[in-house]
């Protein structure tokens, strides 16, 4: 239940640049909300983030589809039991406890 010394030395945080927070605007939505994104690139934890991402990429449940076509292809052959429906959700407020004004300034 622990990583090897070799892996620790490869992943150990170095540098002092913090992760960057920026926003992507959702121009297709009313009032043009902003989706917060945390970029680990160049931060002290960049190497760890890349390794964890690689580990999770082999787990099917952790793979995220960003293409509508890919999602449609995956669900095309799903047969739902009678009385069941397939639904999707658009999360509009994932970080409700983050004070927006404080995060922006």
PDB file of N, CA and C in Angstrom:
ATOM      1  N   UNK A   1       0.804  -1.206   0.000  1.00  0.00           N
ATOM      2  CA  UNK A   1       0.000   0.000   0.000  1.00  0.00           C
ATOM      3  C   UNK A   1       0.845   1.267   0.000  1.00  0.00           C
ATOM      4  N   UNK A   2       1.980   1.212  -0.628  1.00  0.00           N
ATOM      5  CA  UNK A   2       2.777   2.420  -0.765  1.00  0.00           C
ATOM      6  C   UNK A   2       3.543   2.351  -2.074  1.00  0.00           C
ATOM      7  N   UNK A   3       3.953   3.495  -2.546  1.00  0.00           N
ATOM      8  CA  UNK A   3       4.687   3.528  -3.810  1.00  0.00           C
ATOM      9  C   UNK A   3       6.160   3.252  -3.554  1.00  0.00           C
ATOM     10  N   UNK A   4       6.849   2.840  -4.593  1.00  0.00           N
ATOM     11  CA  UNK A   4       8.275   2.544  -4.467  1.00  0.00           C
ATOM     12  C   UNK A   4       9.065   3.843  -4.306  1.00  0.00           C
ATOM     13  N   UNK A   5      10.271   3.715  -3.772  1.00  0.00           N
ATOM     14  CA  UNK A   5      11.141   4.888  -3.625  1.00  0.00           C
ATOM     15  C   UNK A   5      11.442   5.504  -4.988  1.00  0.00           C
ATOM     16  N   UNK A   6      11.603   4.643  -6.002  1.00  0.00           N
ATOM     17  CA  UNK A   6      11.892   5.129  -7.355  1.00  0.00           C
ATOM     18  C   UNK A   6      10.739   5.981  -7.890  1.00  0.00           C
ATOM     19  N   UNK A   7       9.500   5.487  -7.719  1.00  0.00           N
ATOM     20  CA  UNK A   7       8.339   6.245  -8.182  1.00  0.00           C
ATOM     21  C   UNK A   7       8.186   7.531  -7.379  1.00  0.00           C
ATOM     22  N   UNK A   8       8.442   7.460  -6.077  1.00  0.00           N
ATOM     23  CA  UNK A   8       8.362   8.663  -5.246  1.00  0.00           C
ATOM     24  C   UNK A   8       9.323   9.731  -5.761  1.00  0.00           C
ATOM     25  N   UNK A   9      10.547   9.329  -6.081  1.00  0.00           N
ATOM     26  CA  UNK A   9      11.542  10.300  -6.556  1.00  0.00           C
ATOM     27  C   UNK A   9      11.114  10.926  -7.881  1.00  0.00           C
ATOM     28  N   UNK A  10      10.449  10.132  -8.743  1.00  0.00           N
ATOM     29  CA  UNK A  10       9.974  10.666 -10.027  1.00  0.00           C
ATOM     30  C   UNK A  10       8.823  11.641  -9.841  1.00  0.00           C
ATOM     31  N   UNK A  11       7.949  11.349  -8.873  1.00  0.00           N
ATOM     32  CA  UNK A  11       6.717  12.121  -8.718  1.00  0.00           C
ATOM     33  C   UNK A  11       6.791  13.211  -7.657  1.00  0.00           C
ATOM     34  N   UNK A  12       7.818  13.206  -6.859  1.00  0.00           N
ATOM     35  CA  UNK A  12       7.872  14.158  -5.747  1.00  0.00           C
ATOM     36  C   UNK A  12       7.757  15.587  -6.272  1.00  0.00           C
ATOM     37  N   UNK A  13       6.931  16.388  -5.590  1.00  0.00           N
ATOM     38  CA  UNK A  13       6.709  17.766  -6.049  1.00  0.00           C
ATOM     39  C   UNK A  13       7.994  18.581  -6.040  1.00  0.00           C
ATOM     40  N   UNK A  14       8.208  19.316  -7.108  1.00  0.00           N
ATOM     41  CA  UNK A  14       9.341  20.240  -7.194  1.00  0.00           C
ATOM     42  C   UNK A  14       8.819  21.551  -7.751  1.00  0.00           C
ATOM     43  N   UNK A  15       9.501  22.618  -7.452  1.00  0.00           N
ATOM     44  CA  UNK A  15       9.056  23.921  -7.937  1.00  0.00           C
ATOM     45  C   UNK A  15       7.998  24.501  -7.027  1.00  0.00           C
ATOM     46  N   UNK A  16       7.626  25.719  -7.308  1.00  0.00           N
ATOM     47  CA  UNK A  16       6.665  26.382  -6.427  1.00  0.00           C
ATOM     48  C   UNK A  16       5.546  27.079  -7.185  1.00  0.00           C
ATOM     49  N   UNK A  17       5.436  26.842  -8.472  1.00  0.00           N
ATOM     50  CA  UNK A  17       4.375  27.488  -9.249  1.00  0.00           C
ATOM     51  C   UNK A  17       3.039  26.853  -8.895  1.00  0.00           C
ATOM     52  N   UNK A  18       2.052  27.655  -8.490  1.00  0.00           N
ATOM     53  CA  UNK A  18       0.742  27.080  -8.171  1.00  0.00           C
ATOM     54  C   UNK A  18      -0.019  26.697  -9.438  1.00  0.00           C
ATOM     55  N   UNK A  19      -1.005  25.837  -9.264  1.00  0.00           N
ATOM     56  CA  UNK A  19      -1.894  25.507 -10.383  1.00  0.00           C
ATOM     57  C   UNK A  19      -2.637  26.777 -10.779  1.00  0.00           C
ATOM     58  N   UNK A  20      -3.029  26.868 -12.053  1.00  0.00           N
ATOM     59  CA  UNK A  20      -3.737  28.066 -12.540  1.00  0.00           C
ATOM     60  C   UNK A  20      -5.219  27.768 -12.676  1.00  0.00           C
ATOM     61  N   UNK A  21      -6.016  28.724 -12.245  1.00  0.00           N
ATOM     62  CA  UNK A  21      -7.462  28.630 -12.393  1.00  0.00           C
ATOM     63  C   UNK A  21      -7.876  29.599 -13.483  1.00  0.00           C
ATOM     64  N   UNK A  22      -8.631  29.109 -14.447  1.00  0.00           N
ATOM     65  CA  UNK A  22      -9.178  29.987 -15.474  1.00  0.00           C
ATOM     66  C   UNK A  22     -10.574  29.500 -15.823  1.00  0.00           C
ATOM     67  N   UNK A  23     -11.275  30.264 -16.607  1.00  0.00           N
ATOM     68  CA  UNK A  23     -12.640  29.900 -16.943  1.00  0.00           C
ATOM     69  C   UNK A  23     -12.869  29.776 -18.433  1.00  0.00           C
ATOM     70  N   UNK A  24     -13.707  28.834 -18.809  1.00  0.00           N
ATOM     71  CA  UNK A  24     -14.148  28.686 -20.193  1.00  0.00           C
ATOM     72  C   UNK A  24     -15.602  29.131 -20.257  1.00  0.00           C
ATOM     73  N   UNK A  25     -15.885  30.052 -21.142  1.00  0.00           N
ATOM     74  CA  UNK A  25     -17.259  30.540 -21.244  1.00  0.00           C
ATOM     75  C   UNK A  25     -18.111  29.561 -22.034  1.00  0.00           C
ATOM     76  N   UNK A  26     -19.349  29.426 -21.597  1.00  0.00           N
ATOM     77  CA  UNK A  26     -20.322  28.569 -22.286  1.00  0.00           C
ATOM     78  C   UNK A  26     -21.215  29.499 -23.098  1.00  0.00           C
ATOM     79  N   UNK A  27     -20.739  29.874 -24.285  1.00  0.00           N
ATOM     80  CA  UNK A  27     -21.458  30.879 -25.071  1.00  0.00           C
ATOM     81  C   UNK A  27     -22.801  30.386 -25.589  1.00  0.00           C
ATOM     82  N   UNK A  28     -23.031  29.083 -25.532  1.00  0.00           N
ATOM     83  CA  UNK A  28     -24.304  28.531 -25.996  1.00  0.00           C
ATOM     84  C   UNK A  28     -25.371  28.544 -24.899  1.00  0.00           C
ATOM     85  N   UNK A  29     -25.026  28.988 -23.696  1.00  0.00           N
ATOM     86  CA  UNK A  29     -25.966  29.012 -22.574  1.00  0.00           C
ATOM     87  C   UNK A  29     -26.444  30.437 -22.306  1.00  0.00           C
ATOM     88  N   UNK A  30     -27.650  30.581 -21.752  1.00  0.00           N
ATOM     89  CA  UNK A  30     -28.134  31.915 -21.371  1.00  0.00           C
ATOM     90  C   UNK A  30     -27.222  32.530 -20.308  1.00  0.00           C
ATOM     91  N   UNK A  31     -27.034  33.820 -20.370  1.00  0.00           N
ATOM     92  CA  UNK A  31     -26.195  34.582 -19.431  1.00  0.00           C
ATOM     93  C   UNK A  31     -24.713  34.210 -19.482  1.00  0.00           C
ATOM     94  N   UNK A  32     -24.310  33.409 -20.450  1.00  0.00           N
ATOM     95  CA  UNK A  32     -22.917  33.004 -20.685  1.00  0.00           C
ATOM     96  C   UNK A  32     -22.175  32.672 -19.383  1.00  0.00           C
ATOM     97  N   UNK A  33     -22.508  31.538 -18.742  1.00  0.00           N
ATOM     98  CA  UNK A  33     -21.805  31.149 -17.516  1.00  0.00           C
ATOM     99  C   UNK A  33     -20.365  30.730 -17.816  1.00  0.00           C
ATOM    100  N   UNK A  34     -19.570  30.634 -16.773  1.00  0.00           N
ATOM    101  CA  UNK A  34     -18.163  30.258 -16.912  1.00  0.00           C
ATOM    102  C   UNK A  34     -17.934  28.905 -16.247  1.00  0.00           C
ATOM    103  N   UNK A  35     -17.236  28.016 -16.956  1.00  0.00           N
ATOM    104  CA  UNK A  35     -16.848  26.711 -16.403  1.00  0.00           C
ATOM    105  C   UNK A  35     -15.427  26.861 -15.851  1.00  0.00           C
ATOM    106  N   UNK A  36     -15.229  26.668 -14.531  1.00  0.00           N
ATOM    107  CA  UNK A  36     -13.880  26.793 -13.969  1.00  0.00           C
ATOM    108  C   UNK A  36     -13.006  25.604 -14.358  1.00  0.00           C
ATOM    109  N   UNK A  37     -11.751  25.886 -14.682  1.00  0.00           N
ATOM    110  CA  UNK A  37     -10.783  24.848 -15.046  1.00  0.00           C
ATOM    111  C   UNK A  37      -9.510  25.099 -14.237  1.00  0.00           C
ATOM    112  N   UNK A  38      -8.956  24.042 -13.650  1.00  0.00           N
ATOM    113  CA  UNK A  38      -7.692  24.152 -12.928  1.00  0.00           C
ATOM    114  C   UNK A  38      -6.622  23.478 -13.773  1.00  0.00           C
ATOM    115  N   UNK A  39      -5.633  24.260 -14.198  1.00  0.00           N
ATOM    116  CA  UNK A  39      -4.541  23.725 -15.006  1.00  0.00           C
ATOM    117  C   UNK A  39      -3.370  23.375 -14.095  1.00  0.00           C
ATOM    118  N   UNK A  40      -2.984  22.108 -14.109  1.00  0.00           N
ATOM    119  CA  UNK A  40      -1.857  21.656 -13.292  1.00  0.00           C
ATOM    120  C   UNK A  40      -0.532  21.807 -14.040  1.00  0.00           C
ATOM    121  N   UNK A  41      -0.584  22.132 -15.326  1.00  0.00           N
ATOM    122  CA  UNK A  41       0.617  22.202 -16.150  1.00  0.00           C
ATOM    123  C   UNK A  41       1.636  23.168 -15.550  1.00  0.00           C
ATOM    124  N   UNK A  42       2.823  22.661 -15.303  1.00  0.00           N
ATOM    125  CA  UNK A  42       3.898  23.477 -14.760  1.00  0.00           C
ATOM    126  C   UNK A  42       3.848  23.651 -13.251  1.00  0.00           C
ATOM    127  N   UNK A  43       2.797  23.145 -12.602  1.00  0.00           N
ATOM    128  CA  UNK A  43       2.693  23.301 -11.148  1.00  0.00           C
ATOM    129  C   UNK A  43       3.536  22.240 -10.441  1.00  0.00           C
ATOM    130  N   UNK A  44       3.672  22.405  -9.139  1.00  0.00           N
ATOM    131  CA  UNK A  44       4.452  21.454  -8.347  1.00  0.00           C
ATOM    132  C   UNK A  44       3.878  20.038  -8.435  1.00  0.00           C
ATOM    133  N   UNK A  45       2.576  19.920  -8.675  1.00  0.00           N
ATOM    134  CA  UNK A  45       1.931  18.605  -8.689  1.00  0.00           C
ATOM    135  C   UNK A  45       1.616  18.102 -10.097  1.00  0.00           C
ATOM    136  N   UNK A  46       2.214  18.701 -11.117  1.00  0.00           N
ATOM    137  CA  UNK A  46       1.965  18.319 -12.503  1.00  0.00           C
ATOM    138  C   UNK A  46       2.306  16.849 -12.757  1.00  0.00           C
ATOM    139  N   UNK A  47       3.466  16.406 -12.281  1.00  0.00           N
ATOM    140  CA  UNK A  47       3.886  15.017 -12.524  1.00  0.00           C
ATOM    141  C   UNK A  47       2.930  14.022 -11.860  1.00  0.00           C
ATOM    142  N   UNK A  48       2.489  14.352 -10.654  1.00  0.00           N
ATOM    143  CA  UNK A  48       1.551  13.469  -9.954  1.00  0.00           C
ATOM    144  C   UNK A  48       0.222  13.424 -10.696  1.00  0.00           C
ATOM    145  N   UNK A  49      -0.263  14.587 -11.137  1.00  0.00           N
ATOM    146  CA  UNK A  49      -1.538  14.651 -11.860  1.00  0.00           C
ATOM    147  C   UNK A  49      -1.477  13.814 -13.136  1.00  0.00           C
ATOM    148  N   UNK A  50      -0.361  13.889 -13.871  1.00  0.00           N
ATOM    149  CA  UNK A  50      -0.212  13.106 -15.102  1.00  0.00           C
ATOM    150  C   UNK A  50      -0.224  11.604 -14.803  1.00  0.00           C
ATOM    151  N   UNK A  51       0.470  11.197 -13.740  1.00  0.00           N
ATOM    152  CA  UNK A  51       0.545   9.774 -13.394  1.00  0.00           C
ATOM    153  C   UNK A  51      -0.827   9.244 -12.981  1.00  0.00           C
ATOM    154  N   UNK A  52      -1.534   9.993 -12.142  1.00  0.00           N
ATOM    155  CA  UNK A  52      -2.866   9.564 -11.703  1.00  0.00           C
ATOM    156  C   UNK A  52      -3.810   9.489 -12.900  1.00  0.00           C
ATOM    157  N   UNK A  53      -3.708  10.462 -13.808  1.00  0.00           N
ATOM    158  CA  UNK A  53      -4.535  10.449 -15.013  1.00  0.00           C
ATOM    159  C   UNK A  53      -4.256   9.195 -15.845  1.00  0.00           C
ATOM    160  N   UNK A  54      -2.991   8.827 -15.956  1.00  0.00           N
ATOM    161  CA  UNK A  54      -2.618   7.623 -16.714  1.00  0.00           C
ATOM    162  C   UNK A  54      -3.182   6.375 -16.040  1.00  0.00           C
ATOM    163  N   UNK A  55      -3.087   6.310 -14.714  1.00  0.00           N
ATOM    164  CA  UNK A  55      -3.626   5.155 -13.991  1.00  0.00           C
ATOM    165  C   UNK A  55      -5.128   5.049 -14.197  1.00  0.00           C
ATOM    166  N   UNK A  56      -5.825   6.182 -14.131  1.00  0.00           N
ATOM    167  CA  UNK A  56      -7.282   6.165 -14.255  1.00  0.00           C
ATOM    168  C   UNK A  56      -7.756   5.914 -15.681  1.00  0.00           C
ATOM    169  N   UNK A  57      -6.919   6.196 -16.669  1.00  0.00           N
ATOM    170  CA  UNK A  57      -7.337   6.044 -18.064  1.00  0.00           C
ATOM    171  C   UNK A  57      -7.628   4.594 -18.434  1.00  0.00           C
ATOM    172  N   UNK A  58      -7.086   3.647 -17.685  1.00  0.00           N
ATOM    173  CA  UNK A  58      -7.340   2.236 -17.988  1.00  0.00           C
ATOM    174  C   UNK A  58      -8.650   1.750 -17.377  1.00  0.00           C
ATOM    175  N   UNK A  59      -9.240   2.544 -16.502  1.00  0.00           N
ATOM    176  CA  UNK A  59     -10.517   2.187 -15.884  1.00  0.00           C
ATOM    177  C   UNK A  59     -11.629   2.743 -16.757  1.00  0.00           C
ATOM    178  N   UNK A  60     -12.428   1.867 -17.327  1.00  0.00           N
ATOM    179  CA  UNK A  60     -13.467   2.269 -18.285  1.00  0.00           C
ATOM    180  C   UNK A  60     -14.396   3.328 -17.710  1.00  0.00           C
ATOM    181  N   UNK A  61     -14.768   3.190 -16.436  1.00  0.00           N
ATOM    182  CA  UNK A  61     -15.701   4.136 -15.826  1.00  0.00           C
ATOM    183  C   UNK A  61     -15.115   5.540 -15.717  1.00  0.00           C
ATOM    184  N   UNK A  62     -13.794   5.662 -15.772  1.00  0.00           N
ATOM    185  CA  UNK A  62     -13.147   6.972 -15.621  1.00  0.00           C
ATOM    186  C   UNK A  62     -12.928   7.676 -16.953  1.00  0.00           C
ATOM    187  N   UNK A  63     -13.196   6.997 -18.056  1.00  0.00           N
ATOM    188  CA  UNK A  63     -13.006   7.623 -19.359  1.00  0.00           C
ATOM    189  C   UNK A  63     -14.185   8.536 -19.657  1.00  0.00           C
ATOM    190  N   UNK A  64     -13.880   9.745 -20.012  1.00  0.00           N
ATOM    191  CA  UNK A  64     -14.921  10.735 -20.276  1.00  0.00           C
ATOM    192  C   UNK A  64     -15.057  10.918 -21.776  1.00  0.00           C
ATOM    193  N   UNK A  65     -16.286  10.851 -22.248  1.00  0.00           N
ATOM    194  CA  UNK A  65     -16.549  11.087 -23.665  1.00  0.00           C
ATOM    195  C   UNK A  65     -16.766  12.572 -23.888  1.00  0.00           C
ATOM    196  N   UNK A  66     -16.030  13.130 -24.811  1.00  0.00           N
ATOM    197  CA  UNK A  66     -16.219  14.540 -25.124  1.00  0.00           C
ATOM    198  C   UNK A  66     -16.893  14.703 -26.474  1.00  0.00           C
ATOM    199  N   UNK A  67     -17.091  13.616 -27.169  1.00  0.00           N
ATOM    200  CA  UNK A  67     -17.680  13.665 -28.498  1.00  0.00           C
ATOM    201  C   UNK A  67     -19.100  13.112 -28.465  1.00  0.00           C
ATOM    202  N   UNK A  68     -20.037  13.876 -28.978  1.00  0.00           N
ATOM    203  CA  UNK A  68     -21.423  13.414 -29.053  1.00  0.00           C
ATOM    204  C   UNK A  68     -21.505  12.145 -29.884  1.00  0.00           C
ATOM    205  N   UNK A  69     -20.766  12.098 -30.988  1.00  0.00           N
ATOM    206  CA  UNK A  69     -20.771  10.922 -31.863  1.00  0.00           C
ATOM    207  C   UNK A  69     -20.315   9.682 -31.092  1.00  0.00           C
ATOM    208  N   UNK A  70     -19.270   9.815 -30.307  1.00  0.00           N
ATOM    209  CA  UNK A  70     -18.748   8.695 -29.527  1.00  0.00           C
ATOM    210  C   UNK A  70     -19.779   8.198 -28.516  1.00  0.00           C
ATOM    211  N   UNK A  71     -20.479   9.118 -27.881  1.00  0.00           N
ATOM    212  CA  UNK A  71     -21.508   8.735 -26.909  1.00  0.00           C
ATOM    213  C   UNK A  71     -22.654   8.007 -27.607  1.00  0.00           C
ATOM    214  N   UNK A  72     -23.105   8.545 -28.731  1.00  0.00           N
ATOM    215  CA  UNK A  72     -24.204   7.925 -29.488  1.00  0.00           C
ATOM    216  C   UNK A  72     -23.818   6.513 -29.919  1.00  0.00           C
ATOM    217  N   UNK A  73     -22.581   6.324 -30.381  1.00  0.00           N
ATOM    218  CA  UNK A  73     -22.125   4.994 -30.789  1.00  0.00           C
ATOM    219  C   UNK A  73     -22.125   4.017 -29.611  1.00  0.00           C
ATOM    220  N   UNK A  74     -21.715   4.490 -28.430  1.00  0.00           N
ATOM    221  CA  UNK A  74     -21.654   3.607 -27.263  1.00  0.00           C
ATOM    222  C   UNK A  74     -23.031   3.196 -26.771  1.00  0.00           C
ATOM    223  N   UNK A  75     -24.010   4.085 -26.870  1.00  0.00           N
ATOM    224  CA  UNK A  75     -25.330   3.768 -26.324  1.00  0.00           C
ATOM    225  C   UNK A  75     -26.302   3.223 -27.363  1.00  0.00           C
ATOM    226  N   UNK A  76     -25.900   3.189 -28.616  1.00  0.00           N
ATOM    227  CA  UNK A  76     -26.802   2.771 -29.698  1.00  0.00           C
ATOM    228  C   UNK A  76     -27.357   1.364 -29.501  1.00  0.00           C
ATOM    229  N   UNK A  77     -26.563   0.458 -28.972  1.00  0.00           N
ATOM    230  CA  UNK A  77     -26.983  -0.937 -28.845  1.00  0.00           C
ATOM    231  C   UNK A  77     -27.509  -1.303 -27.459  1.00  0.00           C
ATOM    232  N   UNK A  78     -27.647  -0.320 -26.603  1.00  0.00           N
ATOM    233  CA  UNK A  78     -28.146  -0.606 -25.253  1.00  0.00           C
ATOM    234  C   UNK A  78     -29.643  -0.885 -25.310  1.00  0.00           C
ATOM    235  N   UNK A  79     -30.034  -2.012 -24.745  1.00  0.00           N
ATOM    236  CA  UNK A  79     -31.455  -2.345 -24.663  1.00  0.00           C
ATOM    237  C   UNK A  79     -31.901  -2.134 -23.225  1.00  0.00           C
ATOM    238  N   UNK A  80     -32.788  -1.182 -23.041  1.00  0.00           N
ATOM    239  CA  UNK A  80     -33.276  -0.872 -21.704  1.00  0.00           C
ATOM    240  C   UNK A  80     -34.470  -1.751 -21.356  1.00  0.00           C
ATOM    241  N   UNK A  81     -34.560  -2.152 -20.096  1.00  0.00           N
ATOM    242  CA  UNK A  81     -35.739  -2.913 -19.670  1.00  0.00           C
ATOM    243  C   UNK A  81     -36.996  -2.056 -19.826  1.00  0.00           C
ATOM    244  N   UNK A  82     -38.125  -2.717 -19.994  1.00  0.00           N
ATOM    245  CA  UNK A  82     -39.384  -2.000 -20.160  1.00  0.00           C
ATOM    246  C   UNK A  82     -39.623  -1.092 -18.951  1.00  0.00           C
ATOM    247  N   UNK A  83     -40.066   0.116 -19.240  1.00  0.00           N
ATOM    248  CA  UNK A  83     -40.331   1.077 -18.176  1.00  0.00           C
ATOM    249  C   UNK A  83     -39.121   1.908 -17.772  1.00  0.00           C
ATOM    250  N   UNK A  84     -37.968   1.631 -18.367  1.00  0.00           N
ATOM    251  CA  UNK A  84     -36.760   2.397 -18.068  1.00  0.00           C
ATOM    252  C   UNK A  84     -36.511   3.409 -19.180  1.00  0.00           C
ATOM    253  N   UNK A  85     -35.904   4.514 -18.818  1.00  0.00           N
ATOM    254  CA  UNK A  85     -35.554   5.541 -19.794  1.00  0.00           C
ATOM    255  C   UNK A  85     -34.107   5.954 -19.596  1.00  0.00           C
ATOM    256  N   UNK A  86     -33.461   6.340 -20.664  1.00  0.00           N
ATOM    257  CA  UNK A  86     -32.106   6.856 -20.611  1.00  0.00           C
ATOM    258  C   UNK A  86     -32.194   8.374 -20.546  1.00  0.00           C
ATOM    259  N   UNK A  87     -31.542   8.971 -19.556  1.00  0.00           N
ATOM    260  CA  UNK A  87     -31.585  10.427 -19.403  1.00  0.00           C
ATOM    261  C   UNK A  87     -30.167  10.974 -19.309  1.00  0.00           C
ATOM    262  N   UNK A  88     -30.019  12.254 -19.574  1.00  0.00           N
ATOM    263  CA  UNK A  88     -28.732  12.920 -19.373  1.00  0.00           C
ATOM    264  C   UNK A  88     -28.985  14.196 -18.589  1.00  0.00           C
ATOM    265  N   UNK A  89     -27.969  14.646 -17.909  1.00  0.00           N
ATOM    266  CA  UNK A  89     -28.094  15.839 -17.082  1.00  0.00           C
ATOM    267  C   UNK A  89     -27.030  16.855 -17.464  1.00  0.00           C
ATOM    268  N   UNK A  90     -27.369  18.109 -17.355  1.00  0.00           N
ATOM    269  CA  UNK A  90     -26.415  19.194 -17.561  1.00  0.00           C
ATOM    270  C   UNK A  90     -26.209  19.847 -16.202  1.00  0.00           C
ATOM    271  N   UNK A  91     -25.066  19.587 -15.595  1.00  0.00           N
ATOM    272  CA  UNK A  91     -24.786  20.151 -14.277  1.00  0.00           C
ATOM    273  C   UNK A  91     -24.486  21.632 -14.448  1.00  0.00           C
ATOM    274  N   UNK A  92     -25.250  22.457 -13.762  1.00  0.00           N
ATOM    275  CA  UNK A  92     -25.070  23.902 -13.944  1.00  0.00           C
ATOM    276  C   UNK A  92     -24.325  24.537 -12.780  1.00  0.00           C
ATOM    277  N   UNK A  93     -24.186  23.848 -11.657  1.00  0.00           N
ATOM    278  CA  UNK A  93     -23.500  24.446 -10.515  1.00  0.00           C
ATOM    279  C   UNK A  93     -22.767  23.353  -9.744  1.00  0.00           C
ATOM    280  N   UNK A  94     -21.588  22.993 -10.231  1.00  0.00           N
ATOM    281  CA  UNK A  94     -20.828  21.902  -9.635  1.00  0.00           C
ATOM    282  C   UNK A  94     -20.117  22.333  -8.357  1.00  0.00           C
ATOM    283  N   UNK A  95     -19.708  23.585  -8.282  1.00  0.00           N
ATOM    284  CA  UNK A  95     -18.953  24.086  -7.134  1.00  0.00           C
ATOM    285  C   UNK A  95     -19.779  25.122  -6.385  1.00  0.00           C
ATOM    286  N   UNK A  96     -20.883  24.708  -5.803  1.00  0.00           N
ATOM    287  CA  UNK A  96     -21.801  25.654  -5.169  1.00  0.00           C
ATOM    288  C   UNK A  96     -21.240  26.284  -3.907  1.00  0.00           C
ATOM    289  N   UNK A  97     -20.234  25.672  -3.281  1.00  0.00           N
ATOM    290  CA  UNK A  97     -19.693  26.241  -2.055  1.00  0.00           C
ATOM    291  C   UNK A  97     -18.489  27.150  -2.293  1.00  0.00           C
ATOM    292  N   UNK A  98     -18.098  27.380  -3.534  1.00  0.00           N
ATOM    293  CA  UNK A  98     -16.986  28.277  -3.840  1.00  0.00           C
ATOM    294  C   UNK A  98     -17.549  29.673  -4.076  1.00  0.00           C
ATOM    295  N   UNK A  99     -17.155  30.651  -3.234  1.00  0.00           N
ATOM    296  CA  UNK A  99     -17.636  32.017  -3.449  1.00  0.00           C
ATOM    297  C   UNK A  99     -17.101  32.552  -4.782  1.00  0.00           C
ATOM    298  N   UNK A 100     -17.973  32.804  -5.724  1.00  0.00           N
ATOM    299  CA  UNK A 100     -17.578  33.184  -7.081  1.00  0.00           C
ATOM    300  C   UNK A 100     -16.709  34.437  -7.083  1.00  0.00           C
ATOM    301  N   UNK A 101     -17.119  35.479  -6.398  1.00  0.00           N
ATOM    302  CA  UNK A 101     -16.352  36.732  -6.412  1.00  0.00           C
ATOM    303  C   UNK A 101     -14.955  36.548  -5.825  1.00  0.00           C
ATOM    304  N   UNK A 102     -14.838  35.757  -4.756  1.00  0.00           N
ATOM    305  CA  UNK A 102     -13.516  35.512  -4.166  1.00  0.00           C
ATOM    306  C   UNK A 102     -12.642  34.687  -5.106  1.00  0.00           C
ATOM    307  N   UNK A 103     -13.233  33.736  -5.817  1.00  0.00           N
ATOM    308  CA  UNK A 103     -12.467  32.899  -6.742  1.00  0.00           C
ATOM    309  C   UNK A 103     -11.965  33.705  -7.928  1.00  0.00           C
ATOM    310  N   UNK A 104     -12.754  34.687  -8.361  1.00  0.00           N
ATOM    311  CA  UNK A 104     -12.377  35.497  -9.522  1.00  0.00           C
ATOM    312  C   UNK A 104     -11.283  36.498  -9.165  1.00  0.00           C
ATOM    313  N   UNK A 105     -11.353  37.083  -7.977  1.00  0.00           N
ATOM    314  CA  UNK A 105     -10.390  38.138  -7.600  1.00  0.00           C
ATOM    315  C   UNK A 105      -9.180  37.632  -6.892  1.00  0.00           C
TER     316      UNK A 105
END
